[in-house]
Amino acid sequence: KGAINTLNDLSIPVEVHVFSAHRTPKQACDFASNAK
């Protein structure tokens, strides 16, 4: 939440997700691959 609040204070759009490197590796990798 500290990071979210700081980014909001700077008017930088932020998106938050829960992904596990071990329990949701496919979803984490898909997110990273498409992030740009």
PDB file of all heavy atoms in Angstrom:
ATOM      1  N   LYS A   1       0.823  -1.219   0.000  1.00  0.00           N
ATOM      2  CA  LYS A   1       0.000   0.000   0.000  1.00  0.00           C
ATOM      3  C   LYS A   1       0.853   1.264   0.000  1.00  0.00           C
ATOM      4  O   LYS A   1       0.455   2.283  -0.567  1.00  0.00           O
ATOM      5  CB  LYS A   1      -0.958  -0.001   1.192  1.00  0.00           C
ATOM      6  CG  LYS A   1      -2.177  -0.861   0.959  1.00  0.00           C
ATOM      7  CD  LYS A   1      -3.177  -0.735   2.096  1.00  0.00           C
ATOM      8  CE  LYS A   1      -4.388  -1.604   1.794  1.00  0.00           C
ATOM      9  NZ  LYS A   1      -5.378  -1.551   2.861  1.00  0.00           N
ATOM     10  N   GLY A   2       2.035   1.209   0.615  1.00  0.00           N
ATOM     11  CA  GLY A   2       2.927   2.366   0.582  1.00  0.00           C
ATOM     12  C   GLY A   2       3.302   2.748  -0.839  1.00  0.00           C
ATOM     13  O   GLY A   2       3.324   3.934  -1.195  1.00  0.00           O
ATOM     14  N   ALA A   3       3.590   1.770  -1.677  1.00  0.00           N
ATOM     15  CA  ALA A   3       3.935   2.033  -3.074  1.00  0.00           C
ATOM     16  C   ALA A   3       2.718   2.545  -3.845  1.00  0.00           C
ATOM     17  O   ALA A   3       2.826   3.480  -4.643  1.00  0.00           O
ATOM     18  CB  ALA A   3       4.480   0.771  -3.742  1.00  0.00           C
ATOM     19  N   ILE A   4       1.574   1.939  -3.596  1.00  0.00           N
ATOM     20  CA  ILE A   4       0.347   2.375  -4.278  1.00  0.00           C
ATOM     21  C   ILE A   4       0.067   3.837  -3.947  1.00  0.00           C
ATOM     22  O   ILE A   4      -0.204   4.646  -4.843  1.00  0.00           O
ATOM     23  CB  ILE A   4      -0.842   1.480  -3.869  1.00  0.00           C
ATOM     24  CG1 ILE A   4      -0.619   0.035  -4.333  1.00  0.00           C
ATOM     25  CG2 ILE A   4      -2.158   2.037  -4.429  1.00  0.00           C
ATOM     26  CD1 ILE A   4      -1.570  -0.972  -3.707  1.00  0.00           C
ATOM     27  N   ASN A   5       0.144   4.186  -2.663  1.00  0.00           N
ATOM     28  CA  ASN A   5      -0.130   5.564  -2.249  1.00  0.00           C
ATOM     29  C   ASN A   5       0.871   6.544  -2.854  1.00  0.00           C
ATOM     30  O   ASN A   5       0.487   7.633  -3.303  1.00  0.00           O
ATOM     31  CB  ASN A   5      -0.120   5.672  -0.721  1.00  0.00           C
ATOM     32  CG  ASN A   5      -1.255   4.922  -0.086  1.00  0.00           C
ATOM     33  OD1 ASN A   5      -2.280   4.637  -0.723  1.00  0.00           O
ATOM     34  ND2 ASN A   5      -1.096   4.565   1.172  1.00  0.00           N
ATOM     35  N   THR A   6       2.143   6.174  -2.877  1.00  0.00           N
ATOM     36  CA  THR A   6       3.162   7.061  -3.453  1.00  0.00           C
ATOM     37  C   THR A   6       2.912   7.280  -4.934  1.00  0.00           C
ATOM     38  O   THR A   6       2.981   8.418  -5.421  1.00  0.00           O
ATOM     39  CB  THR A   6       4.575   6.490  -3.208  1.00  0.00           C
ATOM     40  OG1 THR A   6       4.797   6.414  -1.795  1.00  0.00           O
ATOM     41  CG2 THR A   6       5.651   7.352  -3.841  1.00  0.00           C
ATOM     42  N   LEU A   7       2.614   6.224  -5.668  1.00  0.00           N
ATOM     43  CA  LEU A   7       2.337   6.368  -7.101  1.00  0.00           C
ATOM     44  C   LEU A   7       1.079   7.196  -7.328  1.00  0.00           C
ATOM     45  O   LEU A   7       1.042   8.042  -8.235  1.00  0.00           O
ATOM     46  CB  LEU A   7       2.221   4.990  -7.759  1.00  0.00           C
ATOM     47  CG  LEU A   7       3.545   4.217  -7.825  1.00  0.00           C
ATOM     48  CD1 LEU A   7       3.298   2.768  -8.191  1.00  0.00           C
ATOM     49  CD2 LEU A   7       4.521   4.876  -8.792  1.00  0.00           C
ATOM     50  N   ASN A   8       0.054   6.977  -6.520  1.00  0.00           N
ATOM     51  CA  ASN A   8      -1.159   7.794  -6.635  1.00  0.00           C
ATOM     52  C   ASN A   8      -0.855   9.259  -6.371  1.00  0.00           C
ATOM     53  O   ASN A   8      -1.357  10.143  -7.071  1.00  0.00           O
ATOM     54  CB  ASN A   8      -2.245   7.289  -5.687  1.00  0.00           C
ATOM     55  CG  ASN A   8      -2.910   6.016  -6.182  1.00  0.00           C
ATOM     56  OD1 ASN A   8      -2.926   5.731  -7.372  1.00  0.00           O
ATOM     57  ND2 ASN A   8      -3.447   5.246  -5.262  1.00  0.00           N
ATOM     58  N   ASP A   9      -0.030   9.540  -5.350  1.00  0.00           N
ATOM     59  CA  ASP A   9       0.350  10.923  -5.039  1.00  0.00           C
ATOM     60  C   ASP A   9       1.064  11.587  -6.210  1.00  0.00           C
ATOM     61  O   ASP A   9       0.974  12.799  -6.396  1.00  0.00           O
ATOM     62  CB  ASP A   9       1.260  10.977  -3.805  1.00  0.00           C
ATOM     63  CG  ASP A   9       0.525  10.666  -2.510  1.00  0.00           C
ATOM     64  OD1 ASP A   9      -0.733  10.656  -2.503  1.00  0.00           O
ATOM     65  OD2 ASP A   9       1.221  10.426  -1.496  1.00  0.00           O
ATOM     66  N   LEU A  10       1.784  10.794  -6.999  1.00  0.00           N
ATOM     67  CA  LEU A  10       2.514  11.313  -8.157  1.00  0.00           C
ATOM     68  C   LEU A  10       1.681  11.251  -9.441  1.00  0.00           C
ATOM     69  O   LEU A  10       2.188  11.525 -10.527  1.00  0.00           O
ATOM     70  CB  LEU A  10       3.820  10.531  -8.337  1.00  0.00           C
ATOM     71  CG  LEU A  10       4.857  10.728  -7.234  1.00  0.00           C
ATOM     72  CD1 LEU A  10       5.962   9.676  -7.338  1.00  0.00           C
ATOM     73  CD2 LEU A  10       5.426  12.141  -7.291  1.00  0.00           C
ATOM     74  N   SER A  11       0.414  10.877  -9.324  1.00  0.00           N
ATOM     75  CA  SER A  11      -0.507  10.762 -10.478  1.00  0.00           C
ATOM     76  C   SER A  11       0.000   9.793 -11.539  1.00  0.00           C
ATOM     77  O   SER A  11      -0.185  10.006 -12.735  1.00  0.00           O
ATOM     78  CB  SER A  11      -0.778  12.141 -11.093  1.00  0.00           C
ATOM     79  OG  SER A  11      -1.344  13.002 -10.140  1.00  0.00           O
ATOM     80  N   ILE A  12       0.630   8.732 -11.072  1.00  0.00           N
ATOM     81  CA  ILE A  12       1.094   7.683 -11.985  1.00  0.00           C
ATOM     82  C   ILE A  12       0.096   6.536 -11.913  1.00  0.00           C
ATOM     83  O   ILE A  12      -0.171   6.014 -10.831  1.00  0.00           O
ATOM     84  CB  ILE A  12       2.510   7.202 -11.605  1.00  0.00           C
ATOM     85  CG1 ILE A  12       3.508   8.358 -11.753  1.00  0.00           C
ATOM     86  CG2 ILE A  12       2.925   6.007 -12.456  1.00  0.00           C
ATOM     87  CD1 ILE A  12       4.896   8.053 -11.231  1.00  0.00           C
ATOM     88  N   PRO A  13      -0.471   6.140 -13.056  1.00  0.00           N
ATOM     89  CA  PRO A  13      -1.437   5.045 -13.040  1.00  0.00           C
ATOM     90  C   PRO A  13      -0.791   3.747 -12.559  1.00  0.00           C
ATOM     91  O   PRO A  13       0.323   3.410 -12.968  1.00  0.00           O
ATOM     92  CB  PRO A  13      -1.892   4.905 -14.488  1.00  0.00           C
ATOM     93  CG  PRO A  13      -1.239   5.996 -15.256  1.00  0.00           C
ATOM     94  CD  PRO A  13      -0.236   6.672 -14.386  1.00  0.00           C
ATOM     95  N   VAL A  14      -1.492   3.055 -11.693  1.00  0.00           N
ATOM     96  CA  VAL A  14      -0.963   1.821 -11.102  1.00  0.00           C
ATOM     97  C   VAL A  14      -2.020   0.729 -11.201  1.00  0.00           C
ATOM     98  O   VAL A  14      -3.214   0.985 -11.053  1.00  0.00           O
ATOM     99  CB  VAL A  14      -0.505   2.057  -9.644  1.00  0.00           C
ATOM    100  CG1 VAL A  14      -1.648   2.514  -8.765  1.00  0.00           C
ATOM    101  CG2 VAL A  14       0.158   0.839  -9.064  1.00  0.00           C
ATOM    102  N   GLU A  15      -1.557  -0.465 -11.471  1.00  0.00           N
ATOM    103  CA  GLU A  15      -2.424  -1.642 -11.526  1.00  0.00           C
ATOM    104  C   GLU A  15      -1.807  -2.691 -10.610  1.00  0.00           C
ATOM    105  O   GLU A  15      -0.596  -2.922 -10.672  1.00  0.00           O
ATOM    106  CB  GLU A  15      -2.485  -2.140 -12.963  1.00  0.00           C
ATOM    107  CG  GLU A  15      -3.597  -3.099 -13.254  1.00  0.00           C
ATOM    108  CD  GLU A  15      -3.714  -3.390 -14.741  1.00  0.00           C
ATOM    109  OE1 GLU A  15      -3.980  -2.443 -15.524  1.00  0.00           O
ATOM    110  OE2 GLU A  15      -3.521  -4.571 -15.116  1.00  0.00           O
ATOM    111  N   VAL A  16      -2.609  -3.308  -9.771  1.00  0.00           N
ATOM    112  CA  VAL A  16      -2.114  -4.236  -8.756  1.00  0.00           C
ATOM    113  C   VAL A  16      -2.716  -5.622  -8.991  1.00  0.00           C
ATOM    114  O   VAL A  16      -3.922  -5.748  -9.223  1.00  0.00           O
ATOM    115  CB  VAL A  16      -2.475  -3.732  -7.335  1.00  0.00           C
ATOM    116  CG1 VAL A  16      -1.912  -4.665  -6.273  1.00  0.00           C
ATOM    117  CG2 VAL A  16      -1.966  -2.311  -7.122  1.00  0.00           C
ATOM    118  N   HIS A  17      -1.852  -6.647  -8.887  1.00  0.00           N
ATOM    119  CA  HIS A  17      -2.293  -8.030  -9.077  1.00  0.00           C
ATOM    120  C   HIS A  17      -1.598  -8.952  -8.082  1.00  0.00           C
ATOM    121  O   HIS A  17      -0.505  -8.645  -7.610  1.00  0.00           O
ATOM    122  CB  HIS A  17      -1.959  -8.531 -10.489  1.00  0.00           C
ATOM    123  CG  HIS A  17      -2.669  -7.807 -11.569  1.00  0.00           C
ATOM    124  ND1 HIS A  17      -3.962  -8.090 -11.919  1.00  0.00           N
ATOM    125  CD2 HIS A  17      -2.267  -6.787 -12.375  1.00  0.00           C
ATOM    126  CE1 HIS A  17      -4.334  -7.292 -12.901  1.00  0.00           C
ATOM    127  NE2 HIS A  17      -3.320  -6.486 -13.198  1.00  0.00           N
ATOM    128  N   VAL A  18      -2.203 -10.099  -7.827  1.00  0.00           N
ATOM    129  CA  VAL A  18      -1.578 -11.174  -7.062  1.00  0.00           C
ATOM    130  C   VAL A  18      -1.237 -12.283  -8.047  1.00  0.00           C
ATOM    131  O   VAL A  18      -2.129 -12.854  -8.685  1.00  0.00           O
ATOM    132  CB  VAL A  18      -2.509 -11.717  -5.949  1.00  0.00           C
ATOM    133  CG1 VAL A  18      -1.851 -12.897  -5.243  1.00  0.00           C
ATOM    134  CG2 VAL A  18      -2.860 -10.620  -4.958  1.00  0.00           C
ATOM    135  N   PHE A  19       0.070 -12.524  -8.206  1.00  0.00           N
ATOM    136  CA  PHE A  19       0.573 -13.633  -9.013  1.00  0.00           C
ATOM    137  C   PHE A  19       1.686 -14.296  -8.220  1.00  0.00           C
ATOM    138  O   PHE A  19       2.520 -13.616  -7.638  1.00  0.00           O
ATOM    139  CB  PHE A  19       1.160 -13.169 -10.350  1.00  0.00           C
ATOM    140  CG  PHE A  19       0.176 -12.617 -11.331  1.00  0.00           C
ATOM    141  CD1 PHE A  19       0.353 -11.352 -11.867  1.00  0.00           C
ATOM    142  CD2 PHE A  19      -0.916 -13.358 -11.738  1.00  0.00           C
ATOM    143  CE1 PHE A  19      -0.544 -10.834 -12.788  1.00  0.00           C
ATOM    144  CE2 PHE A  19      -1.825 -12.854 -12.663  1.00  0.00           C
ATOM    145  CZ  PHE A  19      -1.635 -11.583 -13.186  1.00  0.00           C
ATOM    146  N   SER A  20       1.720 -15.587  -8.227  1.00  0.00           N
ATOM    147  CA  SER A  20       2.768 -16.328  -7.540  1.00  0.00           C
ATOM    148  C   SER A  20       3.704 -16.953  -8.567  1.00  0.00           C
ATOM    149  O   SER A  20       3.243 -17.576  -9.533  1.00  0.00           O
ATOM    150  CB  SER A  20       2.138 -17.426  -6.672  1.00  0.00           C
ATOM    151  OG  SER A  20       3.129 -18.325  -6.231  1.00  0.00           O
ATOM    152  N   ALA A  21       4.999 -16.786  -8.336  1.00  0.00           N
ATOM    153  CA  ALA A  21       5.982 -17.423  -9.222  1.00  0.00           C
ATOM    154  C   ALA A  21       5.853 -18.935  -9.185  1.00  0.00           C
ATOM    155  O   ALA A  21       6.169 -19.616 -10.162  1.00  0.00           O
ATOM    156  CB  ALA A  21       7.390 -17.011  -8.810  1.00  0.00           C
ATOM    157  N   HIS A  22       5.347 -19.463  -8.067  1.00  0.00           N
ATOM    158  CA  HIS A  22       5.273 -20.907  -7.879  1.00  0.00           C
ATOM    159  C   HIS A  22       3.884 -21.490  -8.098  1.00  0.00           C
ATOM    160  O   HIS A  22       3.750 -22.609  -8.581  1.00  0.00           O
ATOM    161  CB  HIS A  22       5.761 -21.266  -6.465  1.00  0.00           C
ATOM    162  CG  HIS A  22       7.109 -20.711  -6.180  1.00  0.00           C
ATOM    163  ND1 HIS A  22       7.313 -19.651  -5.321  1.00  0.00           N
ATOM    164  CD2 HIS A  22       8.328 -21.033  -6.671  1.00  0.00           C
ATOM    165  CE1 HIS A  22       8.602 -19.359  -5.283  1.00  0.00           C
ATOM    166  NE2 HIS A  22       9.238 -20.179  -6.089  1.00  0.00           N
ATOM    167  N   ARG A  23       2.847 -20.726  -7.735  1.00  0.00           N
ATOM    168  CA  ARG A  23       1.487 -21.263  -7.821  1.00  0.00           C
ATOM    169  C   ARG A  23       0.720 -20.812  -9.061  1.00  0.00           C
ATOM    170  O   ARG A  23      -0.227 -21.473  -9.468  1.00  0.00           O
ATOM    171  CB  ARG A  23       0.713 -20.905  -6.547  1.00  0.00           C
ATOM    172  CG  ARG A  23       1.302 -21.592  -5.308  1.00  0.00           C
ATOM    173  CD  ARG A  23       0.541 -21.243  -4.046  1.00  0.00           C
ATOM    174  NE  ARG A  23       0.609 -19.829  -3.717  1.00  0.00           N
ATOM    175  CZ  ARG A  23       1.524 -19.268  -2.925  1.00  0.00           C
ATOM    176  NH1 ARG A  23       2.471 -20.022  -2.377  1.00  0.00           N
ATOM    177  NH2 ARG A  23       1.506 -17.985  -2.682  1.00  0.00           N
ATOM    178  N   THR A  24       1.125 -19.678  -9.664  1.00  0.00           N
ATOM    179  CA  THR A  24       0.488 -19.214 -10.909  1.00  0.00           C
ATOM    180  C   THR A  24       1.568 -18.785 -11.913  1.00  0.00           C
ATOM    181  O   THR A  24       1.543 -17.668 -12.429  1.00  0.00           O
ATOM    182  CB  THR A  24      -0.485 -18.035 -10.647  1.00  0.00           C
ATOM    183  OG1 THR A  24       0.261 -16.948 -10.080  1.00  0.00           O
ATOM    184  CG2 THR A  24      -1.634 -18.430  -9.744  1.00  0.00           C
ATOM    185  N   PRO A  25       2.512 -19.660 -12.205  1.00  0.00           N
ATOM    186  CA  PRO A  25       3.625 -19.249 -13.077  1.00  0.00           C
ATOM    187  C   PRO A  25       3.182 -18.868 -14.491  1.00  0.00           C
ATOM    188  O   PRO A  25       3.721 -17.922 -15.066  1.00  0.00           O
ATOM    189  CB  PRO A  25       4.549 -20.465 -13.086  1.00  0.00           C
ATOM    190  CG  PRO A  25       3.673 -21.618 -12.712  1.00  0.00           C
ATOM    191  CD  PRO A  25       2.641 -21.055 -11.781  1.00  0.00           C
ATOM    192  N   LYS A  26       2.204 -19.561 -15.034  1.00  0.00           N
ATOM    193  CA  LYS A  26       1.747 -19.241 -16.396  1.00  0.00           C
ATOM    194  C   LYS A  26       1.143 -17.847 -16.447  1.00  0.00           C
ATOM    195  O   LYS A  26       1.465 -17.049 -17.332  1.00  0.00           O
ATOM    196  CB  LYS A  26       0.738 -20.272 -16.890  1.00  0.00           C
ATOM    197  CG  LYS A  26       0.260 -19.998 -18.311  1.00  0.00           C
ATOM    198  CD  LYS A  26      -0.798 -20.963 -18.755  1.00  0.00           C
ATOM    199  CE  LYS A  26      -1.273 -20.749 -20.176  1.00  0.00           C
ATOM    200  NZ  LYS A  26      -1.334 -19.395 -20.673  1.00  0.00           N
ATOM    201  N   GLN A  27       0.284 -17.528 -15.479  1.00  0.00           N
ATOM    202  CA  GLN A  27      -0.355 -16.216 -15.462  1.00  0.00           C
ATOM    203  C   GLN A  27       0.683 -15.101 -15.240  1.00  0.00           C
ATOM    204  O   GLN A  27       0.613 -14.041 -15.859  1.00  0.00           O
ATOM    205  CB  GLN A  27      -1.434 -16.158 -14.377  1.00  0.00           C
ATOM    206  CG  GLN A  27      -2.640 -17.026 -14.673  1.00  0.00           C
ATOM    207  CD  GLN A  27      -2.450 -18.503 -14.324  1.00  0.00           C
ATOM    208  OE1 GLN A  27      -1.395 -18.940 -13.875  1.00  0.00           O
ATOM    209  NE2 GLN A  27      -3.493 -19.295 -14.555  1.00  0.00           N
ATOM    210  N   ALA A  28       1.648 -15.350 -14.361  1.00  0.00           N
ATOM    211  CA  ALA A  28       2.699 -14.361 -14.107  1.00  0.00           C
ATOM    212  C   ALA A  28       3.520 -14.116 -15.375  1.00  0.00           C
ATOM    213  O   ALA A  28       3.792 -12.964 -15.738  1.00  0.00           O
ATOM    214  CB  ALA A  28       3.598 -14.829 -12.963  1.00  0.00           C
ATOM    215  N   CYS A  29       3.894 -15.194 -16.049  1.00  0.00           N
ATOM    216  CA  CYS A  29       4.695 -15.066 -17.270  1.00  0.00           C
ATOM    217  C   CYS A  29       3.907 -14.400 -18.393  1.00  0.00           C
ATOM    218  O   CYS A  29       4.451 -13.569 -19.132  1.00  0.00           O
ATOM    219  CB  CYS A  29       5.198 -16.436 -17.715  1.00  0.00           C
ATOM    220  SG  CYS A  29       6.371 -17.145 -16.539  1.00  0.00           S
ATOM    221  N   ASP A  30       2.632 -14.743 -18.515  1.00  0.00           N
ATOM    222  CA  ASP A  30       1.795 -14.102 -19.530  1.00  0.00           C
ATOM    223  C   ASP A  30       1.684 -12.602 -19.273  1.00  0.00           C
ATOM    224  O   ASP A  30       1.770 -11.792 -20.206  1.00  0.00           O
ATOM    225  CB  ASP A  30       0.391 -14.721 -19.555  1.00  0.00           C
ATOM    226  CG  ASP A  30       0.363 -16.122 -20.156  1.00  0.00           C
ATOM    227  OD1 ASP A  30       1.366 -16.534 -20.784  1.00  0.00           O
ATOM    228  OD2 ASP A  30      -0.672 -16.797 -19.995  1.00  0.00           O
ATOM    229  N   PHE A  31       1.494 -12.224 -18.002  1.00  0.00           N
ATOM    230  CA  PHE A  31       1.401 -10.806 -17.674  1.00  0.00           C
ATOM    231  C   PHE A  31       2.684 -10.091 -18.074  1.00  0.00           C
ATOM    232  O   PHE A  31       2.650  -9.049 -18.732  1.00  0.00           O
ATOM    233  CB  PHE A  31       1.121 -10.599 -16.179  1.00  0.00           C
ATOM    234  CG  PHE A  31       0.972  -9.151 -15.819  1.00  0.00           C
ATOM    235  CD1 PHE A  31      -0.268  -8.544 -15.879  1.00  0.00           C
ATOM    236  CD2 PHE A  31       2.066  -8.385 -15.467  1.00  0.00           C
ATOM    237  CE1 PHE A  31      -0.414  -7.196 -15.592  1.00  0.00           C
ATOM    238  CE2 PHE A  31       1.944  -7.037 -15.171  1.00  0.00           C
ATOM    239  CZ  PHE A  31       0.695  -6.433 -15.236  1.00  0.00           C
ATOM    240  N   ALA A  32       3.821 -10.646 -17.678  1.00  0.00           N
ATOM    241  CA  ALA A  32       5.111 -10.013 -17.977  1.00  0.00           C
ATOM    242  C   ALA A  32       5.345  -9.919 -19.474  1.00  0.00           C
ATOM    243  O   ALA A  32       5.816  -8.893 -19.977  1.00  0.00           O
ATOM    244  CB  ALA A  32       6.235 -10.789 -17.304  1.00  0.00           C
ATOM    245  N   SER A  33       5.027 -10.966 -20.187  1.00  0.00           N
ATOM    246  CA  SER A  33       5.257 -10.993 -21.632  1.00  0.00           C
ATOM    247  C   SER A  33       4.439  -9.937 -22.366  1.00  0.00           C
ATOM    248  O   SER A  33       4.859  -9.448 -23.423  1.00  0.00           O
ATOM    249  CB  SER A  33       4.926 -12.371 -22.195  1.00  0.00           C
ATOM    250  OG  SER A  33       5.796 -13.339 -21.653  1.00  0.00           O
ATOM    251  N   ASN A  34       3.286  -9.589 -21.837  1.00  0.00           N
ATOM    252  CA  ASN A  34       2.388  -8.625 -22.484  1.00  0.00           C
ATOM    253  C   ASN A  34       2.439  -7.233 -21.862  1.00  0.00           C
ATOM    254  O   ASN A  34       1.770  -6.320 -22.342  1.00  0.00           O
ATOM    255  CB  ASN A  34       0.949  -9.155 -22.423  1.00  0.00           C
ATOM    256  CG  ASN A  34       0.785 -10.419 -23.225  1.00  0.00           C
ATOM    257  OD1 ASN A  34       1.153 -10.474 -24.392  1.00  0.00           O
ATOM    258  ND2 ASN A  34       0.260 -11.456 -22.601  1.00  0.00           N
ATOM    259  N   ALA A  35       3.213  -7.045 -20.811  1.00  0.00           N
ATOM    260  CA  ALA A  35       3.175  -5.794 -20.047  1.00  0.00           C
ATOM    261  C   ALA A  35       3.536  -4.570 -20.888  1.00  0.00           C
ATOM    262  O   ALA A  35       2.870  -3.534 -20.786  1.00  0.00           O
ATOM    263  CB  ALA A  35       4.094  -5.898 -18.828  1.00  0.00           C
ATOM    264  N   LYS A  36       4.560  -4.659 -21.695  1.00  0.00           N
ATOM    265  CA  LYS A  36       4.970  -3.510 -22.499  1.00  0.00           C
ATOM    266  C   LYS A  36       3.857  -3.122 -23.468  1.00  0.00           C
ATOM    267  O   LYS A  36       3.494  -1.942 -23.561  1.00  0.00           O
ATOM    268  CB  LYS A  36       6.264  -3.817 -23.246  1.00  0.00           C
ATOM    269  CG  LYS A  36       6.874  -2.622 -23.922  1.00  0.00           C
ATOM    270  CD  LYS A  36       8.253  -2.950 -24.473  1.00  0.00           C
ATOM    271  CE  LYS A  36       8.905  -1.703 -25.021  1.00  0.00           C
ATOM    272  NZ  LYS A  36      10.254  -1.989 -25.530  1.00  0.00           N
TER     273      LYS A  36
END
